[in-house]
Amino acid sequence: MRGIITREILEKEADKKFQADKKRIQKSLENSPDPNKYLEIEKRILFNILHKEIDILNDCEDVIIKGLTKTIYDRTSGLKYETHCIDRYYRTGHFDYDINYIRSIRNLYRLYLSGMTAVRAIDKEIAIDAIRFFLLEKWLNEAEQGYPTNLISDQFRELNGKYIQTNIDVFTSVMINKQLPKDANKIIWLTTKTEAVYFQIETGFTMKQFNACFIHQTGTGFNAHNRSPSSPIPKDPLPQITTKLIDTLKA
């Protein structure tokens, strides 16, 4: 039907935006001195957009649109006069959104949860953002429940760029589940295969599991012969980082 955008199309477009948001947050988590606090800030912003009861006086600001005026008719006096056009912006803590946009987002968010199958073309972009925020909120909540991303992040920062090359989301999932997330690339091991196999044994991976999740920077896999009989324990800092990582996962 002309002028109608289906749920399938909306979800596909929303997922593109969600993946960009997710990548931005993962990058910030990798560099944040306090990942847990950063996650809370992101969650608070989404809560403000989707759920917080808005106080028009305290949560919003009036912005005069330069060069634009509108005509006001005073019924009491019968007079007309010109005034500045004013938009009211809602402060979420990250971006400022037009208050009418926030109302539309919340309406379409509720409709999406109730199973809407399509929207008018005029509402397409707002519906995409509503679904995007739904996906982001769900992901942030899941990241905090059972996935110690904020705890593992210290060890991840010590390993990434020196021993491995990946992102924190893939690394966390692999260390917990011993398998790659769907559609994720293997973690690249950057140093010797001897160090890689040490890490594999200490962190409890079978060789089959490790090869399914990791690949050497040369594009080749690993085997038991890569371990050095004469020097099974590599030099620090890898053993220190590995020990801290194991302790964190057990906590």
C-alpha atoms as a PDB file:
ATOM      1  CA  MET A   1       0.000   0.000   0.000  1.00  0.00           C
ATOM      2  CA  ARG A   2       1.360   3.429  -0.967  1.00  0.00           C
ATOM      3  CA  GLY A   3       2.489   5.628   1.881  1.00  0.00           C
ATOM      4  CA  ILE A   4       2.818   2.705   4.302  1.00  0.00           C
ATOM      5  CA  ILE A   5       6.134   1.421   5.711  1.00  0.00           C
ATOM      6  CA  THR A   6       6.120  -2.157   6.981  1.00  0.00           C
ATOM      7  CA  ARG A   7       7.490  -3.335  10.318  1.00  0.00           C
ATOM      8  CA  GLU A   8      10.127  -5.434   8.524  1.00  0.00           C
ATOM      9  CA  ILE A   9      11.551  -2.390   6.726  1.00  0.00           C
ATOM     10  CA  LEU A  10      11.479  -0.314   9.913  1.00  0.00           C
ATOM     11  CA  GLU A  11      13.330  -3.000  11.889  1.00  0.00           C
ATOM     12  CA  LYS A  12      15.978  -3.342   9.181  1.00  0.00           C
ATOM     13  CA  GLU A  13      16.675   0.411   9.153  1.00  0.00           C
ATOM     14  CA  ALA A  14      16.522   0.625  12.953  1.00  0.00           C
ATOM     15  CA  ASP A  15      19.082  -2.165  13.275  1.00  0.00           C
ATOM     16  CA  LYS A  16      21.576  -0.175  11.173  1.00  0.00           C
ATOM     17  CA  LYS A  17      21.306   2.754  13.579  1.00  0.00           C
ATOM     18  CA  PHE A  18      21.419   0.426  16.585  1.00  0.00           C
ATOM     19  CA  GLN A  19      24.618  -1.232  15.333  1.00  0.00           C
ATOM     20  CA  ALA A  20      26.230   2.207  14.953  1.00  0.00           C
ATOM     21  CA  ASP A  21      25.162   3.112  18.511  1.00  0.00           C
ATOM     22  CA  LYS A  22      26.473  -0.200  19.790  1.00  0.00           C
ATOM     23  CA  LYS A  23      29.835   0.295  18.068  1.00  0.00           C
ATOM     24  CA  ARG A  24      30.129   3.795  19.563  1.00  0.00           C
ATOM     25  CA  ILE A  25      29.365   2.528  23.071  1.00  0.00           C
ATOM     26  CA  GLN A  26      31.751  -0.428  22.760  1.00  0.00           C
ATOM     27  CA  LYS A  27      34.545   1.921  21.690  1.00  0.00           C
ATOM     28  CA  SER A  28      33.832   4.220  24.633  1.00  0.00           C
ATOM     29  CA  LEU A  29      33.763   1.260  27.044  1.00  0.00           C
ATOM     30  CA  GLU A  30      37.179   0.163  25.844  1.00  0.00           C
ATOM     31  CA  ASN A  31      38.640   3.587  26.647  1.00  0.00           C
ATOM     32  CA  SER A  32      36.582   4.539  29.698  1.00  0.00           C
ATOM     33  CA  PRO A  33      38.341   4.684  33.102  1.00  0.00           C
ATOM     34  CA  ASP A  34      35.021   3.646  34.686  1.00  0.00           C
ATOM     35  CA  PRO A  35      33.011   1.478  32.238  1.00  0.00           C
ATOM     36  CA  ASN A  36      30.292   0.767  34.787  1.00  0.00           C
ATOM     37  CA  LYS A  37      29.625   4.470  35.283  1.00  0.00           C
ATOM     38  CA  TYR A  38      29.624   5.027  31.521  1.00  0.00           C
ATOM     39  CA  LEU A  39      27.020   2.270  31.030  1.00  0.00           C
ATOM     40  CA  GLU A  40      24.820   3.881  33.671  1.00  0.00           C
ATOM     41  CA  ILE A  41      25.003   7.228  31.839  1.00  0.00           C
ATOM     42  CA  GLU A  42      23.932   5.608  28.557  1.00  0.00           C
ATOM     43  CA  LYS A  43      21.064   3.804  30.303  1.00  0.00           C
ATOM     44  CA  ARG A  44      19.940   7.023  31.990  1.00  0.00           C
ATOM     45  CA  ILE A  45      19.815   8.850  28.651  1.00  0.00           C
ATOM     46  CA  LEU A  46      17.580   6.141  27.173  1.00  0.00           C
ATOM     47  CA  PHE A  47      15.377   6.164  30.265  1.00  0.00           C
ATOM     48  CA  ASN A  48      14.960   9.928  29.894  1.00  0.00           C
ATOM     49  CA  ILE A  49      14.005   9.581  26.228  1.00  0.00           C
ATOM     50  CA  LEU A  50      11.573   6.685  26.612  1.00  0.00           C
ATOM     51  CA  HIS A  51      10.202   6.688  30.133  1.00  0.00           C
ATOM     52  CA  LYS A  52      10.907   9.669  32.374  1.00  0.00           C
ATOM     53  CA  GLU A  53       7.943  11.819  33.347  1.00  0.00           C
ATOM     54  CA  ILE A  54       8.754  15.175  31.778  1.00  0.00           C
ATOM     55  CA  ASP A  55       8.704  18.357  33.820  1.00  0.00           C
ATOM     56  CA  ILE A  56       8.150  21.055  31.197  1.00  0.00           C
ATOM     57  CA  LEU A  57       9.717  23.760  33.353  1.00  0.00           C
ATOM     58  CA  ASN A  58      12.780  21.900  34.614  1.00  0.00           C
ATOM     59  CA  ASP A  59      13.490  19.418  31.831  1.00  0.00           C
ATOM     60  CA  CYS A  60      12.846  21.639  28.821  1.00  0.00           C
ATOM     61  CA  GLU A  61      14.154  24.876  27.399  1.00  0.00           C
ATOM     62  CA  ASP A  62      12.527  27.321  25.003  1.00  0.00           C
ATOM     63  CA  VAL A  63      14.558  28.164  21.913  1.00  0.00           C
ATOM     64  CA  ILE A  64      13.634  31.113  19.713  1.00  0.00           C
ATOM     65  CA  ILE A  65      13.871  30.326  16.001  1.00  0.00           C
ATOM     66  CA  LYS A  66      15.685  33.286  14.495  1.00  0.00           C
ATOM     67  CA  GLY A  67      13.946  35.060  11.658  1.00  0.00           C
ATOM     68  CA  LEU A  68      10.630  33.259  12.130  1.00  0.00           C
ATOM     69  CA  THR A  69       7.487  34.767  13.606  1.00  0.00           C
ATOM     70  CA  LYS A  70       3.904  33.650  14.043  1.00  0.00           C
ATOM     71  CA  THR A  71       0.641  35.564  14.360  1.00  0.00           C
ATOM     72  CA  ILE A  72      -1.200  35.368  17.688  1.00  0.00           C
ATOM     73  CA  TYR A  73      -4.886  36.321  17.948  1.00  0.00           C
ATOM     74  CA  ASP A  74      -5.977  37.648  21.341  1.00  0.00           C
ATOM     75  CA  ARG A  75      -9.671  36.812  21.722  1.00  0.00           C
ATOM     76  CA  THR A  76     -10.127  39.175  24.665  1.00  0.00           C
ATOM     77  CA  SER A  77      -8.921  42.307  22.896  1.00  0.00           C
ATOM     78  CA  GLY A  78      -9.624  41.150  19.352  1.00  0.00           C
ATOM     79  CA  LEU A  79      -6.098  42.211  18.364  1.00  0.00           C
ATOM     80  CA  LYS A  80      -3.498  40.335  16.365  1.00  0.00           C
ATOM     81  CA  TYR A  81       0.208  40.572  17.040  1.00  0.00           C
ATOM     82  CA  GLU A  82       3.443  39.006  15.863  1.00  0.00           C
ATOM     83  CA  THR A  83       5.703  36.980  18.147  1.00  0.00           C
ATOM     84  CA  HIS A  84       8.831  34.900  17.766  1.00  0.00           C
ATOM     85  CA  CYS A  85       8.484  31.239  16.856  1.00  0.00           C
ATOM     86  CA  ILE A  86       9.633  29.168  19.803  1.00  0.00           C
ATOM     87  CA  ASP A  87      10.536  25.486  19.920  1.00  0.00           C
ATOM     88  CA  ARG A  88      10.650  23.653  23.223  1.00  0.00           C
ATOM     89  CA  TYR A  89      13.572  21.256  23.614  1.00  0.00           C
ATOM     90  CA  TYR A  90      13.736  18.372  26.079  1.00  0.00           C
ATOM     91  CA  ARG A  91      17.108  17.847  27.763  1.00  0.00           C
ATOM     92  CA  THR A  92      17.921  14.127  27.913  1.00  0.00           C
ATOM     93  CA  GLY A  93      21.504  14.454  29.131  1.00  0.00           C
ATOM     94  CA  HIS A  94      23.077  13.738  25.744  1.00  0.00           C
ATOM     95  CA  PHE A  95      21.104  15.430  22.990  1.00  0.00           C
ATOM     96  CA  ASP A  96      18.300  17.978  23.178  1.00  0.00           C
ATOM     97  CA  TYR A  97      15.170  16.825  21.354  1.00  0.00           C
ATOM     98  CA  ASP A  98      12.086  18.763  20.314  1.00  0.00           C
ATOM     99  CA  ILE A  99       9.436  17.927  22.907  1.00  0.00           C
ATOM    100  CA  ASN A 100       6.972  16.931  20.181  1.00  0.00           C
ATOM    101  CA  TYR A 101       9.554  14.516  18.797  1.00  0.00           C
ATOM    102  CA  ILE A 102       9.883  12.896  22.237  1.00  0.00           C
ATOM    103  CA  ARG A 103       6.111  12.519  22.475  1.00  0.00           C
ATOM    104  CA  SER A 104       6.023  10.897  19.032  1.00  0.00           C
ATOM    105  CA  ILE A 105       8.924   8.583  19.916  1.00  0.00           C
ATOM    106  CA  ARG A 106       7.126   7.397  23.040  1.00  0.00           C
ATOM    107  CA  ASN A 107       3.874   6.850  21.193  1.00  0.00           C
ATOM    108  CA  LEU A 108       5.529   4.775  18.462  1.00  0.00           C
ATOM    109  CA  TYR A 109       7.617   2.917  21.051  1.00  0.00           C
ATOM    110  CA  ARG A 110       4.401   1.804  22.777  1.00  0.00           C
ATOM    111  CA  LEU A 111       2.822   0.890  19.435  1.00  0.00           C
ATOM    112  CA  TYR A 112       5.874  -1.172  18.486  1.00  0.00           C
ATOM    113  CA  LEU A 113       5.719  -3.090  21.766  1.00  0.00           C
ATOM    114  CA  SER A 114       2.029  -3.751  21.166  1.00  0.00           C
ATOM    115  CA  GLY A 115       2.824  -5.324  17.777  1.00  0.00           C
ATOM    116  CA  MET A 116       2.298  -2.604  15.166  1.00  0.00           C
ATOM    117  CA  THR A 117       2.767  -3.960  11.650  1.00  0.00           C
ATOM    118  CA  ALA A 118       3.257  -0.713   9.709  1.00  0.00           C
ATOM    119  CA  VAL A 119       3.311   3.090   9.947  1.00  0.00           C
ATOM    120  CA  ARG A 120       2.563   5.964   7.611  1.00  0.00           C
ATOM    121  CA  ALA A 121       5.506   7.102   5.519  1.00  0.00           C
ATOM    122  CA  ILE A 122       5.428  10.472   7.282  1.00  0.00           C
ATOM    123  CA  ASP A 123       6.220   8.688  10.582  1.00  0.00           C
ATOM    124  CA  LYS A 124       8.987   6.491   9.173  1.00  0.00           C
ATOM    125  CA  GLU A 125      12.051   8.201  10.701  1.00  0.00           C
ATOM    126  CA  ILE A 126      10.473   8.583  14.136  1.00  0.00           C
ATOM    127  CA  ALA A 127       9.373   4.931  14.100  1.00  0.00           C
ATOM    128  CA  ILE A 128      12.903   3.869  13.144  1.00  0.00           C
ATOM    129  CA  ASP A 129      14.317   5.799  16.104  1.00  0.00           C
ATOM    130  CA  ALA A 130      11.694   4.330  18.442  1.00  0.00           C
ATOM    131  CA  ILE A 131      12.733   0.785  17.447  1.00  0.00           C
ATOM    132  CA  ARG A 132      16.412   1.754  17.554  1.00  0.00           C
ATOM    133  CA  PHE A 133      16.041   2.985  21.142  1.00  0.00           C
ATOM    134  CA  PHE A 134      14.132  -0.192  22.047  1.00  0.00           C
ATOM    135  CA  LEU A 135      16.996  -2.344  20.706  1.00  0.00           C
ATOM    136  CA  LEU A 136      19.618  -0.213  22.439  1.00  0.00           C
ATOM    137  CA  GLU A 137      17.812  -0.305  25.782  1.00  0.00           C
ATOM    138  CA  LYS A 138      17.463  -4.090  25.562  1.00  0.00           C
ATOM    139  CA  TRP A 139      21.132  -4.528  24.681  1.00  0.00           C
ATOM    140  CA  LEU A 140      22.344  -2.282  27.516  1.00  0.00           C
ATOM    141  CA  ASN A 141      20.223  -4.158  30.036  1.00  0.00           C
ATOM    142  CA  GLU A 142      21.453  -7.536  28.791  1.00  0.00           C
ATOM    143  CA  ALA A 143      25.058  -6.328  28.820  1.00  0.00           C
ATOM    144  CA  GLU A 144      24.721  -5.649  32.530  1.00  0.00           C
ATOM    145  CA  GLN A 145      22.970  -8.926  33.424  1.00  0.00           C
ATOM    146  CA  GLY A 146      25.377 -11.854  33.513  1.00  0.00           C
ATOM    147  CA  TYR A 147      27.946 -10.233  31.250  1.00  0.00           C
ATOM    148  CA  PRO A 148      30.714  -8.662  33.356  1.00  0.00           C
ATOM    149  CA  THR A 149      31.767  -6.351  30.515  1.00  0.00           C
ATOM    150  CA  ASN A 150      32.581  -3.620  33.000  1.00  0.00           C
ATOM    151  CA  LEU A 151      34.762  -6.014  35.033  1.00  0.00           C
ATOM    152  CA  ILE A 152      36.536  -7.675  32.110  1.00  0.00           C
ATOM    153  CA  SER A 153      37.233  -4.329  30.454  1.00  0.00           C
ATOM    154  CA  ASP A 154      40.438  -3.755  32.448  1.00  0.00           C
ATOM    155  CA  GLN A 155      41.958  -7.011  31.222  1.00  0.00           C
ATOM    156  CA  PHE A 156      40.572  -6.421  27.732  1.00  0.00           C
ATOM    157  CA  ARG A 157      42.372  -3.071  27.511  1.00  0.00           C
ATOM    158  CA  GLU A 158      45.618  -4.734  28.594  1.00  0.00           C
ATOM    159  CA  LEU A 159      45.273  -7.481  25.979  1.00  0.00           C
ATOM    160  CA  ASN A 160      43.770  -5.622  23.033  1.00  0.00           C
ATOM    161  CA  GLY A 161      46.281  -4.185  20.595  1.00  0.00           C
ATOM    162  CA  LYS A 162      49.166  -6.083  22.198  1.00  0.00           C
ATOM    163  CA  TYR A 163      48.052  -9.712  22.281  1.00  0.00           C
ATOM    164  CA  ILE A 164      44.641  -9.702  20.592  1.00  0.00           C
ATOM    165  CA  GLN A 165      42.613  -7.644  18.142  1.00  0.00           C
ATOM    166  CA  THR A 166      38.819  -7.549  18.567  1.00  0.00           C
ATOM    167  CA  ASN A 167      36.132  -5.548  20.392  1.00  0.00           C
ATOM    168  CA  ILE A 168      35.045  -5.880  24.008  1.00  0.00           C
ATOM    169  CA  ASP A 169      31.608  -7.297  23.187  1.00  0.00           C
ATOM    170  CA  VAL A 170      33.012 -10.206  21.170  1.00  0.00           C
ATOM    171  CA  PHE A 171      35.804 -10.800  23.694  1.00  0.00           C
ATOM    172  CA  THR A 172      33.409 -10.898  26.661  1.00  0.00           C
ATOM    173  CA  SER A 173      31.022 -13.276  24.921  1.00  0.00           C
ATOM    174  CA  VAL A 174      33.853 -15.592  23.854  1.00  0.00           C
ATOM    175  CA  MET A 175      35.406 -15.716  27.319  1.00  0.00           C
ATOM    176  CA  ILE A 176      32.056 -16.574  28.925  1.00  0.00           C
ATOM    177  CA  ASN A 177      30.489 -18.856  26.312  1.00  0.00           C
ATOM    178  CA  LYS A 178      33.585 -20.361  24.683  1.00  0.00           C
ATOM    179  CA  GLN A 179      32.117 -19.629  21.248  1.00  0.00           C
ATOM    180  CA  LEU A 180      31.854 -16.710  18.839  1.00  0.00           C
ATOM    181  CA  PRO A 181      28.690 -14.605  18.782  1.00  0.00           C
ATOM    182  CA  LYS A 182      26.658 -14.959  15.599  1.00  0.00           C
ATOM    183  CA  ASP A 183      28.259 -13.222  12.574  1.00  0.00           C
ATOM    184  CA  ALA A 184      31.314 -12.112  14.606  1.00  0.00           C
ATOM    185  CA  ASN A 185      34.852 -12.307  13.237  1.00  0.00           C
ATOM    186  CA  LYS A 186      37.409 -14.451  15.013  1.00  0.00           C
ATOM    187  CA  ILE A 187      39.658 -12.776  17.571  1.00  0.00           C
ATOM    188  CA  ILE A 188      43.088 -12.196  16.026  1.00  0.00           C
ATOM    189  CA  TRP A 189      46.064 -13.297  18.140  1.00  0.00           C
ATOM    190  CA  LEU A 190      48.936 -10.875  17.546  1.00  0.00           C
ATOM    191  CA  THR A 191      51.931 -12.496  19.269  1.00  0.00           C
ATOM    192  CA  THR A 192      53.472 -15.974  19.225  1.00  0.00           C
ATOM    193  CA  LYS A 193      51.444 -19.148  19.014  1.00  0.00           C
ATOM    194  CA  THR A 194      53.254 -20.310  22.154  1.00  0.00           C
ATOM    195  CA  GLU A 195      51.651 -17.468  24.090  1.00  0.00           C
ATOM    196  CA  ALA A 196      48.299 -18.137  22.436  1.00  0.00           C
ATOM    197  CA  VAL A 197      48.283 -21.789  23.511  1.00  0.00           C
ATOM    198  CA  TYR A 198      49.293 -20.803  27.045  1.00  0.00           C
ATOM    199  CA  PHE A 199      46.274 -18.474  27.128  1.00  0.00           C
ATOM    200  CA  GLN A 200      44.064 -21.223  25.683  1.00  0.00           C
ATOM    201  CA  ILE A 201      45.023 -23.741  28.370  1.00  0.00           C
ATOM    202  CA  GLU A 202      44.852 -21.316  31.297  1.00  0.00           C
ATOM    203  CA  THR A 203      41.433 -19.947  30.340  1.00  0.00           C
ATOM    204  CA  GLY A 204      39.900 -23.402  29.929  1.00  0.00           C
ATOM    205  CA  PHE A 205      39.363 -23.593  26.168  1.00  0.00           C
ATOM    206  CA  THR A 206      39.693 -26.900  24.354  1.00  0.00           C
ATOM    207  CA  MET A 207      41.869 -26.596  21.274  1.00  0.00           C
ATOM    208  CA  LYS A 208      38.786 -27.036  19.093  1.00  0.00           C
ATOM    209  CA  GLN A 209      36.961 -24.218  20.916  1.00  0.00           C
ATOM    210  CA  PHE A 210      40.012 -21.971  20.750  1.00  0.00           C
ATOM    211  CA  ASN A 211      40.444 -22.447  17.008  1.00  0.00           C
ATOM    212  CA  ALA A 212      36.756 -21.687  16.500  1.00  0.00           C
ATOM    213  CA  CYS A 213      37.151 -18.360  18.315  1.00  0.00           C
ATOM    214  CA  PHE A 214      40.754 -17.271  17.673  1.00  0.00           C
ATOM    215  CA  ILE A 215      43.034 -17.088  14.657  1.00  0.00           C
ATOM    216  CA  HIS A 216      46.701 -16.150  14.450  1.00  0.00           C
ATOM    217  CA  GLN A 217      47.594 -12.927  12.650  1.00  0.00           C
ATOM    218  CA  THR A 218      49.200 -15.052   9.928  1.00  0.00           C
ATOM    219  CA  GLY A 219      45.751 -16.483   9.160  1.00  0.00           C
ATOM    220  CA  THR A 220      46.570 -19.921  10.567  1.00  0.00           C
ATOM    221  CA  GLY A 221      45.206 -21.923  13.494  1.00  0.00           C
ATOM    222  CA  PHE A 222      46.762 -23.429  16.608  1.00  0.00           C
ATOM    223  CA  ASN A 223      47.673 -26.908  17.860  1.00  0.00           C
ATOM    224  CA  ALA A 224      49.208 -28.533  20.926  1.00  0.00           C
ATOM    225  CA  HIS A 225      52.664 -28.561  19.312  1.00  0.00           C
ATOM    226  CA  ASN A 226      52.727 -24.759  19.494  1.00  0.00           C
ATOM    227  CA  ARG A 227      53.331 -24.955  23.239  1.00  0.00           C
ATOM    228  CA  SER A 228      56.987 -24.727  24.241  1.00  0.00           C
ATOM    229  CA  PRO A 229      58.020 -27.689  26.459  1.00  0.00           C
ATOM    230  CA  SER A 230      61.107 -25.824  27.659  1.00  0.00           C
ATOM    231  CA  SER A 231      59.242 -22.614  28.524  1.00  0.00           C
ATOM    232  CA  PRO A 232      55.521 -23.357  29.020  1.00  0.00           C
ATOM    233  CA  ILE A 233      54.904 -20.101  30.880  1.00  0.00           C
ATOM    234  CA  PRO A 234      55.622 -16.960  28.823  1.00  0.00           C
ATOM    235  CA  LYS A 235      57.027 -13.765  30.250  1.00  0.00           C
ATOM    236  CA  ASP A 236      54.808 -11.220  31.942  1.00  0.00           C
ATOM    237  CA  PRO A 237      52.555  -9.351  31.522  1.00  0.00           C
ATOM    238  CA  LEU A 238      50.505 -12.098  29.790  1.00  0.00           C
ATOM    239  CA  PRO A 239      50.457 -14.485  32.804  1.00  0.00           C
ATOM    240  CA  GLN A 240      49.496 -11.629  35.140  1.00  0.00           C
ATOM    241  CA  ILE A 241      46.688 -10.434  32.862  1.00  0.00           C
ATOM    242  CA  THR A 242      45.452 -13.998  32.348  1.00  0.00           C
ATOM    243  CA  THR A 243      45.332 -14.658  36.098  1.00  0.00           C
ATOM    244  CA  LYS A 244      43.337 -11.462  36.713  1.00  0.00           C
ATOM    245  CA  LEU A 245      40.978 -12.375  33.871  1.00  0.00           C
ATOM    246  CA  ILE A 246      40.358 -15.857  35.289  1.00  0.00           C
ATOM    247  CA  ASP A 247      39.700 -14.423  38.763  1.00  0.00           C
ATOM    248  CA  THR A 248      37.245 -11.905  37.297  1.00  0.00           C
ATOM    249  CA  LEU A 249      35.338 -14.578  35.389  1.00  0.00           C
ATOM    250  CA  LYS A 250      35.075 -16.734  38.507  1.00  0.00           C
ATOM    251  CA  ALA A 251      33.807 -13.862  40.676  1.00  0.00           C
END
